[in-house]
């Protein structure tokens, strides 16, 4: 079973009513499938790129900002 967004359902309803079911399944779906696949691939690539660059930015800012555990003079109080 697939998840259908309200926009997809509305587009299908309007196209089937105006053009017909045969046109929708015979012409529209075969032409829109490659575009949908390319858009999905583009979205995944952008998500990984954003994650990569945001992760590098967060890691570099965390490394340059000494926290309580990164301070060179920090020692645990329970251990002498």
PDB file of N, CA and C in Angstrom:
ATOM      1  N   UNK A   1       0.842  -1.172   0.000  1.00  0.00           N
ATOM      2  CA  UNK A   1       0.000   0.000   0.000  1.00  0.00           C
ATOM      3  C   UNK A   1       0.891   1.240   0.000  1.00  0.00           C
ATOM      4  N   UNK A   2       0.504   2.223  -0.751  1.00  0.00           N
ATOM      5  CA  UNK A   2       1.309   3.437  -0.849  1.00  0.00           C
ATOM      6  C   UNK A   2       0.647   4.569  -0.089  1.00  0.00           C
ATOM      7  N   UNK A   3       1.470   5.513   0.327  1.00  0.00           N
ATOM      8  CA  UNK A   3       0.949   6.707   0.979  1.00  0.00           C
ATOM      9  C   UNK A   3       0.612   7.732  -0.093  1.00  0.00           C
ATOM     10  N   UNK A   4      -0.569   8.270  -0.036  1.00  0.00           N
ATOM     11  CA  UNK A   4      -1.015   9.249  -1.014  1.00  0.00           C
ATOM     12  C   UNK A   4      -1.292  10.552  -0.284  1.00  0.00           C
ATOM     13  N   UNK A   5      -0.631  11.608  -0.749  1.00  0.00           N
ATOM     14  CA  UNK A   5      -0.859  12.906  -0.131  1.00  0.00           C
ATOM     15  C   UNK A   5      -2.173  13.493  -0.652  1.00  0.00           C
ATOM     16  N   UNK A   6      -2.726  14.449   0.069  1.00  0.00           N
ATOM     17  CA  UNK A   6      -3.962  15.085  -0.404  1.00  0.00           C
ATOM     18  C   UNK A   6      -3.787  15.757  -1.764  1.00  0.00           C
ATOM     19  N   UNK A   7      -2.600  16.309  -2.024  1.00  0.00           N
ATOM     20  CA  UNK A   7      -2.350  16.943  -3.320  1.00  0.00           C
ATOM     21  C   UNK A   7      -2.356  15.912  -4.442  1.00  0.00           C
ATOM     22  N   UNK A   8      -1.770  14.734  -4.194  1.00  0.00           N
ATOM     23  CA  UNK A   8      -1.795  13.658  -5.184  1.00  0.00           C
ATOM     24  C   UNK A   8      -3.217  13.195  -5.462  1.00  0.00           C
ATOM     25  N   UNK A   9      -3.988  13.043  -4.413  1.00  0.00           N
ATOM     26  CA  UNK A   9      -5.367  12.591  -4.569  1.00  0.00           C
ATOM     27  C   UNK A   9      -6.189  13.619  -5.350  1.00  0.00           C
ATOM     28  N   UNK A  10      -5.979  14.899  -5.050  1.00  0.00           N
ATOM     29  CA  UNK A  10      -6.707  15.947  -5.760  1.00  0.00           C
ATOM     30  C   UNK A  10      -6.303  15.986  -7.235  1.00  0.00           C
ATOM     31  N   UNK A  11      -5.012  15.884  -7.520  1.00  0.00           N
ATOM     32  CA  UNK A  11      -4.541  15.887  -8.904  1.00  0.00           C
ATOM     33  C   UNK A  11      -5.105  14.688  -9.661  1.00  0.00           C
ATOM     34  N   UNK A  12      -5.091  13.522  -9.030  1.00  0.00           N
ATOM     35  CA  UNK A  12      -5.633  12.339  -9.698  1.00  0.00           C
ATOM     36  C   UNK A  12      -7.119  12.507  -9.956  1.00  0.00           C
ATOM     37  N   UNK A  13      -7.838  12.986  -8.964  1.00  0.00           N
ATOM     38  CA  UNK A  13      -9.282  13.174  -9.110  1.00  0.00           C
ATOM     39  C   UNK A  13      -9.591  14.142 -10.255  1.00  0.00           C
ATOM     40  N   UNK A  14      -8.895  15.273 -10.285  1.00  0.00           N
ATOM     41  CA  UNK A  14      -9.161  16.265 -11.333  1.00  0.00           C
ATOM     42  C   UNK A  14      -8.747  15.765 -12.712  1.00  0.00           C
ATOM     43  N   UNK A  15      -7.597  15.111 -12.800  1.00  0.00           N
ATOM     44  CA  UNK A  15      -7.156  14.618 -14.107  1.00  0.00           C
ATOM     45  C   UNK A  15      -8.027  13.478 -14.613  1.00  0.00           C
ATOM     46  N   UNK A  16      -8.443  12.593 -13.742  1.00  0.00           N
ATOM     47  CA  UNK A  16      -9.316  11.491 -14.172  1.00  0.00           C
ATOM     48  C   UNK A  16     -10.665  12.040 -14.615  1.00  0.00           C
ATOM     49  N   UNK A  17     -11.169  13.041 -13.911  1.00  0.00           N
ATOM     50  CA  UNK A  17     -12.464  13.619 -14.300  1.00  0.00           C
ATOM     51  C   UNK A  17     -12.381  14.389 -15.608  1.00  0.00           C
ATOM     52  N   UNK A  18     -11.293  15.108 -15.836  1.00  0.00           N
ATOM     53  CA  UNK A  18     -11.208  15.930 -17.050  1.00  0.00           C
ATOM     54  C   UNK A  18     -10.701  15.148 -18.250  1.00  0.00           C
ATOM     55  N   UNK A  19      -9.711  14.298 -18.084  1.00  0.00           N
ATOM     56  CA  UNK A  19      -9.095  13.595 -19.219  1.00  0.00           C
ATOM     57  C   UNK A  19      -9.543  12.145 -19.349  1.00  0.00           C
ATOM     58  N   UNK A  20      -9.968  11.548 -18.256  1.00  0.00           N
ATOM     59  CA  UNK A  20     -10.387  10.153 -18.298  1.00  0.00           C
ATOM     60  C   UNK A  20      -9.351   9.227 -17.693  1.00  0.00           C
ATOM     61  N   UNK A  21      -9.838   8.060 -17.241  1.00  0.00           N
ATOM     62  CA  UNK A  21      -8.970   7.095 -16.569  1.00  0.00           C
ATOM     63  C   UNK A  21      -7.938   6.493 -17.520  1.00  0.00           C
ATOM     64  N   UNK A  22      -8.331   6.238 -18.762  1.00  0.00           N
ATOM     65  CA  UNK A  22      -7.390   5.656 -19.720  1.00  0.00           C
ATOM     66  C   UNK A  22      -6.236   6.617 -20.010  1.00  0.00           C
ATOM     67  N   UNK A  23      -6.531   7.899 -20.177  1.00  0.00           N
ATOM     68  CA  UNK A  23      -5.480   8.879 -20.418  1.00  0.00           C
ATOM     69  C   UNK A  23      -4.564   8.997 -19.201  1.00  0.00           C
ATOM     70  N   UNK A  24      -5.156   9.010 -18.012  1.00  0.00           N
ATOM     71  CA  UNK A  24      -4.370   9.163 -16.787  1.00  0.00           C
ATOM     72  C   UNK A  24      -3.384   8.015 -16.629  1.00  0.00           C
ATOM     73  N   UNK A  25      -3.854   6.777 -16.787  1.00  0.00           N
ATOM     74  CA  UNK A  25      -2.981   5.617 -16.603  1.00  0.00           C
ATOM     75  C   UNK A  25      -2.126   5.327 -17.837  1.00  0.00           C
ATOM     76  N   UNK A  26      -2.609   5.697 -19.013  1.00  0.00           N
ATOM     77  CA  UNK A  26      -1.880   5.396 -20.244  1.00  0.00           C
ATOM     78  C   UNK A  26      -0.866   6.452 -20.650  1.00  0.00           C
ATOM     79  N   UNK A  27      -1.143   7.720 -20.364  1.00  0.00           N
ATOM     80  CA  UNK A  27      -0.261   8.806 -20.806  1.00  0.00           C
ATOM     81  C   UNK A  27       0.425   9.537 -19.644  1.00  0.00           C
ATOM     82  N   UNK A  28      -0.348   9.916 -18.636  1.00  0.00           N
ATOM     83  CA  UNK A  28       0.188  10.768 -17.573  1.00  0.00           C
ATOM     84  C   UNK A  28       1.158  10.022 -16.662  1.00  0.00           C
ATOM     85  N   UNK A  29       0.762   8.876 -16.164  1.00  0.00           N
ATOM     86  CA  UNK A  29       1.601   8.118 -15.226  1.00  0.00           C
ATOM     87  C   UNK A  29       2.921   7.701 -15.873  1.00  0.00           C
ATOM     88  N   UNK A  30       2.937   7.148 -17.096  1.00  0.00           N
ATOM     89  CA  UNK A  30       4.242   6.794 -17.688  1.00  0.00           C
ATOM     90  C   UNK A  30       5.155   8.000 -17.916  1.00  0.00           C
ATOM     91  N   UNK A  31       4.606   9.161 -18.216  1.00  0.00           N
ATOM     92  CA  UNK A  31       5.450  10.346 -18.439  1.00  0.00           C
ATOM     93  C   UNK A  31       5.892  10.979 -17.124  1.00  0.00           C
ATOM     94  N   UNK A  32       5.098  10.865 -16.069  1.00  0.00           N
ATOM     95  CA  UNK A  32       5.451  11.507 -14.806  1.00  0.00           C
ATOM     96  C   UNK A  32       6.337  10.628 -13.926  1.00  0.00           C
ATOM     97  N   UNK A  33       6.383   9.338 -14.173  1.00  0.00           N
ATOM     98  CA  UNK A  33       7.186   8.439 -13.333  1.00  0.00           C
ATOM     99  C   UNK A  33       8.678   8.760 -13.370  1.00  0.00           C
ATOM    100  N   UNK A  34       9.300   8.975 -14.538  1.00  0.00           N
ATOM    101  CA  UNK A  34      10.732   9.320 -14.520  1.00  0.00           C
ATOM    102  C   UNK A  34      11.014  10.650 -13.819  1.00  0.00           C
ATOM    103  N   UNK A  35      10.112  11.600 -13.946  1.00  0.00           N
ATOM    104  CA  UNK A  35      10.287  12.896 -13.284  1.00  0.00           C
ATOM    105  C   UNK A  35      10.212  12.704 -11.771  1.00  0.00           C
ATOM    106  N   UNK A  36       9.284  11.886 -11.337  1.00  0.00           N
ATOM    107  CA  UNK A  36       9.139  11.609  -9.910  1.00  0.00           C
ATOM    108  C   UNK A  36      10.383  10.916  -9.364  1.00  0.00           C
ATOM    109  N   UNK A  37      10.923   9.971 -10.104  1.00  0.00           N
ATOM    110  CA  UNK A  37      12.124   9.267  -9.681  1.00  0.00           C
ATOM    111  C   UNK A  37      13.320  10.219  -9.601  1.00  0.00           C
ATOM    112  N   UNK A  38      13.458  11.094 -10.578  1.00  0.00           N
ATOM    113  CA  UNK A  38      14.561  12.061 -10.566  1.00  0.00           C
ATOM    114  C   UNK A  38      14.412  13.032  -9.393  1.00  0.00           C
ATOM    115  N   UNK A  39      13.198  13.461  -9.116  1.00  0.00           N
ATOM    116  CA  UNK A  39      12.964  14.375  -7.994  1.00  0.00           C
ATOM    117  C   UNK A  39      13.281  13.692  -6.663  1.00  0.00           C
ATOM    118  N   UNK A  40      12.938  12.437  -6.533  1.00  0.00           N
ATOM    119  CA  UNK A  40      13.253  11.691  -5.313  1.00  0.00           C
ATOM    120  C   UNK A  40      14.765  11.539  -5.138  1.00  0.00           C
ATOM    121  N   UNK A  41      15.464  11.210  -6.207  1.00  0.00           N
ATOM    122  CA  UNK A  41      16.917  11.080  -6.143  1.00  0.00           C
ATOM    123  C   UNK A  41      17.558  12.421  -5.779  1.00  0.00           C
ATOM    124  N   UNK A  42      17.092  13.494  -6.380  1.00  0.00           N
ATOM    125  CA  UNK A  42      17.608  14.827  -6.076  1.00  0.00           C
ATOM    126  C   UNK A  42      17.392  15.159  -4.600  1.00  0.00           C
ATOM    127  N   UNK A  43      16.214  14.854  -4.080  1.00  0.00           N
ATOM    128  CA  UNK A  43      15.906  15.124  -2.675  1.00  0.00           C
ATOM    129  C   UNK A  43      16.841  14.356  -1.744  1.00  0.00           C
ATOM    130  N   UNK A  44      17.091  13.095  -2.049  1.00  0.00           N
ATOM    131  CA  UNK A  44      17.973  12.285  -1.209  1.00  0.00           C
ATOM    132  C   UNK A  44      19.398  12.833  -1.244  1.00  0.00           C
ATOM    133  N   UNK A  45      19.885  13.206  -2.426  1.00  0.00           N
ATOM    134  CA  UNK A  45      21.240  13.757  -2.538  1.00  0.00           C
ATOM    135  C   UNK A  45      21.352  15.058  -1.751  1.00  0.00           C
ATOM    136  N   UNK A  46      20.363  15.930  -1.866  1.00  0.00           N
ATOM    137  CA  UNK A  46      20.390  17.196  -1.133  1.00  0.00           C
ATOM    138  C   UNK A  46      20.356  16.947   0.372  1.00  0.00           C
ATOM    139  N   UNK A  47      19.565  15.997   0.825  1.00  0.00           N
ATOM    140  CA  UNK A  47      19.497  15.691   2.253  1.00  0.00           C
ATOM    141  C   UNK A  47      20.863  15.219   2.774  1.00  0.00           C
ATOM    142  N   UNK A  48      21.534  14.353   2.025  1.00  0.00           N
ATOM    143  CA  UNK A  48      22.842  13.884   2.459  1.00  0.00           C
ATOM    144  C   UNK A  48      23.883  14.998   2.427  1.00  0.00           C
ATOM    145  N   UNK A  49      23.829  15.861   1.415  1.00  0.00           N
ATOM    146  CA  UNK A  49      24.774  16.972   1.355  1.00  0.00           C
ATOM    147  C   UNK A  49      24.576  17.939   2.517  1.00  0.00           C
ATOM    148  N   UNK A  50      23.332  18.264   2.813  1.00  0.00           N
ATOM    149  CA  UNK A  50      23.047  19.162   3.936  1.00  0.00           C
ATOM    150  C   UNK A  50      23.493  18.513   5.239  1.00  0.00           C
ATOM    151  N   UNK A  51      23.215  17.241   5.391  1.00  0.00           N
ATOM    152  CA  UNK A  51      23.626  16.528   6.597  1.00  0.00           C
ATOM    153  C   UNK A  51      25.146  16.508   6.729  1.00  0.00           C
ATOM    154  N   UNK A  52      25.842  16.283   5.623  1.00  0.00           N
ATOM    155  CA  UNK A  52      27.300  16.237   5.640  1.00  0.00           C
ATOM    156  C   UNK A  52      27.884  17.588   6.027  1.00  0.00           C
ATOM    157  N   UNK A  53      27.417  18.651   5.375  1.00  0.00           N
ATOM    158  CA  UNK A  53      27.982  19.968   5.657  1.00  0.00           C
ATOM    159  C   UNK A  53      27.544  20.508   7.010  1.00  0.00           C
ATOM    160  N   UNK A  54      26.331  20.228   7.438  1.00  0.00           N
ATOM    161  CA  UNK A  54      25.899  20.669   8.761  1.00  0.00           C
ATOM    162  C   UNK A  54      26.638  19.883   9.839  1.00  0.00           C
ATOM    163  N   UNK A  55      26.888  18.614   9.592  1.00  0.00           N
ATOM    164  CA  UNK A  55      27.638  17.806  10.545  1.00  0.00           C
ATOM    165  C   UNK A  55      29.062  18.289  10.679  1.00  0.00           C
ATOM    166  N   UNK A  56      29.686  18.671   9.560  1.00  0.00           N
ATOM    167  CA  UNK A  56      31.052  19.191   9.617  1.00  0.00           C
ATOM    168  C   UNK A  56      31.085  20.525  10.340  1.00  0.00           C
ATOM    169  N   UNK A  57      30.077  21.375  10.087  1.00  0.00           N
ATOM    170  CA  UNK A  57      30.044  22.679  10.754  1.00  0.00           C
ATOM    171  C   UNK A  57      29.834  22.499  12.255  1.00  0.00           C
ATOM    172  N   UNK A  58      28.950  21.586  12.626  1.00  0.00           N
ATOM    173  CA  UNK A  58      28.687  21.362  14.048  1.00  0.00           C
ATOM    174  C   UNK A  58      29.906  20.749  14.726  1.00  0.00           C
ATOM    175  N   UNK A  59      30.586  19.839  14.048  1.00  0.00           N
ATOM    176  CA  UNK A  59      31.764  19.205  14.637  1.00  0.00           C
ATOM    177  C   UNK A  59      32.901  20.206  14.782  1.00  0.00           C
ATOM    178  N   UNK A  60      33.082  21.069  13.798  1.00  0.00           N
ATOM    179  CA  UNK A  60      34.184  22.028  13.891  1.00  0.00           C
ATOM    180  C   UNK A  60      33.898  23.084  14.951  1.00  0.00           C
ATOM    181  N   UNK A  61      32.647  23.491  15.099  1.00  0.00           N
ATOM    182  CA  UNK A  61      32.346  24.486  16.129  1.00  0.00           C
ATOM    183  C   UNK A  61      32.427  23.853  17.516  1.00  0.00           C
ATOM    184  N   UNK A  62      32.077  22.588  17.647  1.00  0.00           N
ATOM    185  CA  UNK A  62      32.171  21.926  18.944  1.00  0.00           C
ATOM    186  C   UNK A  62      33.633  21.692  19.324  1.00  0.00           C
ATOM    187  N   UNK A  63      34.480  21.419  18.344  1.00  0.00           N
ATOM    188  CA  UNK A  63      35.890  21.177  18.637  1.00  0.00           C
ATOM    189  C   UNK A  63      36.606  22.466  19.025  1.00  0.00           C
ATOM    190  N   UNK A  64      36.178  23.595  18.468  1.00  0.00           N
ATOM    191  CA  UNK A  64      36.858  24.845  18.777  1.00  0.00           C
ATOM    192  C   UNK A  64      36.320  25.516  20.039  1.00  0.00           C
ATOM    193  N   UNK A  65      35.242  25.025  20.555  1.00  0.00           N
ATOM    194  CA  UNK A  65      34.621  25.610  21.745  1.00  0.00           C
ATOM    195  C   UNK A  65      34.853  24.660  22.916  1.00  0.00           C
ATOM    196  N   UNK A  66      35.782  24.964  23.808  1.00  0.00           N
ATOM    197  CA  UNK A  66      36.048  24.027  24.897  1.00  0.00           C
ATOM    198  C   UNK A  66      34.891  23.984  25.896  1.00  0.00           C
ATOM    199  N   UNK A  67      34.390  22.823  26.098  1.00  0.00           N
ATOM    200  CA  UNK A  67      33.330  22.627  27.068  1.00  0.00           C
ATOM    201  C   UNK A  67      33.928  22.157  28.375  1.00  0.00           C
ATOM    202  N   UNK A  68      33.117  21.751  29.311  1.00  0.00           N
ATOM    203  CA  UNK A  68      33.644  21.328  30.606  1.00  0.00           C
ATOM    204  C   UNK A  68      34.538  20.092  30.499  1.00  0.00           C
ATOM    205  N   UNK A  69      34.299  19.216  29.539  1.00  0.00           N
ATOM    206  CA  UNK A  69      35.112  18.014  29.408  1.00  0.00           C
ATOM    207  C   UNK A  69      36.296  18.203  28.475  1.00  0.00           C
ATOM    208  N   UNK A  70      36.357  19.324  27.767  1.00  0.00           N
ATOM    209  CA  UNK A  70      37.429  19.537  26.809  1.00  0.00           C
ATOM    210  C   UNK A  70      38.458  20.544  27.296  1.00  0.00           C
ATOM    211  N   UNK A  71      38.225  21.119  28.428  1.00  0.00           N
ATOM    212  CA  UNK A  71      39.158  22.100  28.946  1.00  0.00           C
ATOM    213  C   UNK A  71      40.426  21.386  29.398  1.00  0.00           C
ATOM    214  N   UNK A  72      41.606  21.909  29.051  1.00  0.00           N
ATOM    215  CA  UNK A  72      42.842  21.208  29.429  1.00  0.00           C
ATOM    216  C   UNK A  72      43.075  21.170  30.931  1.00  0.00           C
ATOM    217  N   UNK A  73      42.516  22.102  31.674  1.00  0.00           N
ATOM    218  CA  UNK A  73      42.754  22.126  33.115  1.00  0.00           C
ATOM    219  C   UNK A  73      41.684  21.353  33.901  1.00  0.00           C
ATOM    220  N   UNK A  74      40.772  20.710  33.207  1.00  0.00           N
ATOM    221  CA  UNK A  74      39.696  20.018  33.902  1.00  0.00           C
ATOM    222  C   UNK A  74      40.175  18.666  34.405  1.00  0.00           C
ATOM    223  N   UNK A  75      39.884  18.384  35.660  1.00  0.00           N
ATOM    224  CA  UNK A  75      40.162  17.078  36.249  1.00  0.00           C
ATOM    225  C   UNK A  75      38.950  16.651  37.049  1.00  0.00           C
ATOM    226  N   UNK A  76      38.669  15.370  37.038  1.00  0.00           N
ATOM    227  CA  UNK A  76      37.556  14.908  37.867  1.00  0.00           C
ATOM    228  C   UNK A  76      37.851  15.157  39.339  1.00  0.00           C
ATOM    229  N   UNK A  77      36.860  15.572  40.071  1.00  0.00           N
ATOM    230  CA  UNK A  77      37.070  15.860  41.482  1.00  0.00           C
ATOM    231  C   UNK A  77      37.146  14.598  42.315  1.00  0.00           C
ATOM    232  N   UNK A  78      36.600  13.504  41.865  1.00  0.00           N
ATOM    233  CA  UNK A  78      36.604  12.274  42.637  1.00  0.00           C
ATOM    234  C   UNK A  78      37.902  11.508  42.482  1.00  0.00           C
ATOM    235  N   UNK A  79      38.769  11.918  41.563  1.00  0.00           N
ATOM    236  CA  UNK A  79      40.014  11.204  41.323  1.00  0.00           C
ATOM    237  C   UNK A  79      41.180  12.186  41.532  1.00  0.00           C
ATOM    238  N   UNK A  80      42.130  11.840  42.366  1.00  0.00           N
ATOM    239  CA  UNK A  80      43.251  12.749  42.632  1.00  0.00           C
ATOM    240  C   UNK A  80      44.525  12.274  41.981  1.00  0.00           C
TER     241      UNK A  80
END
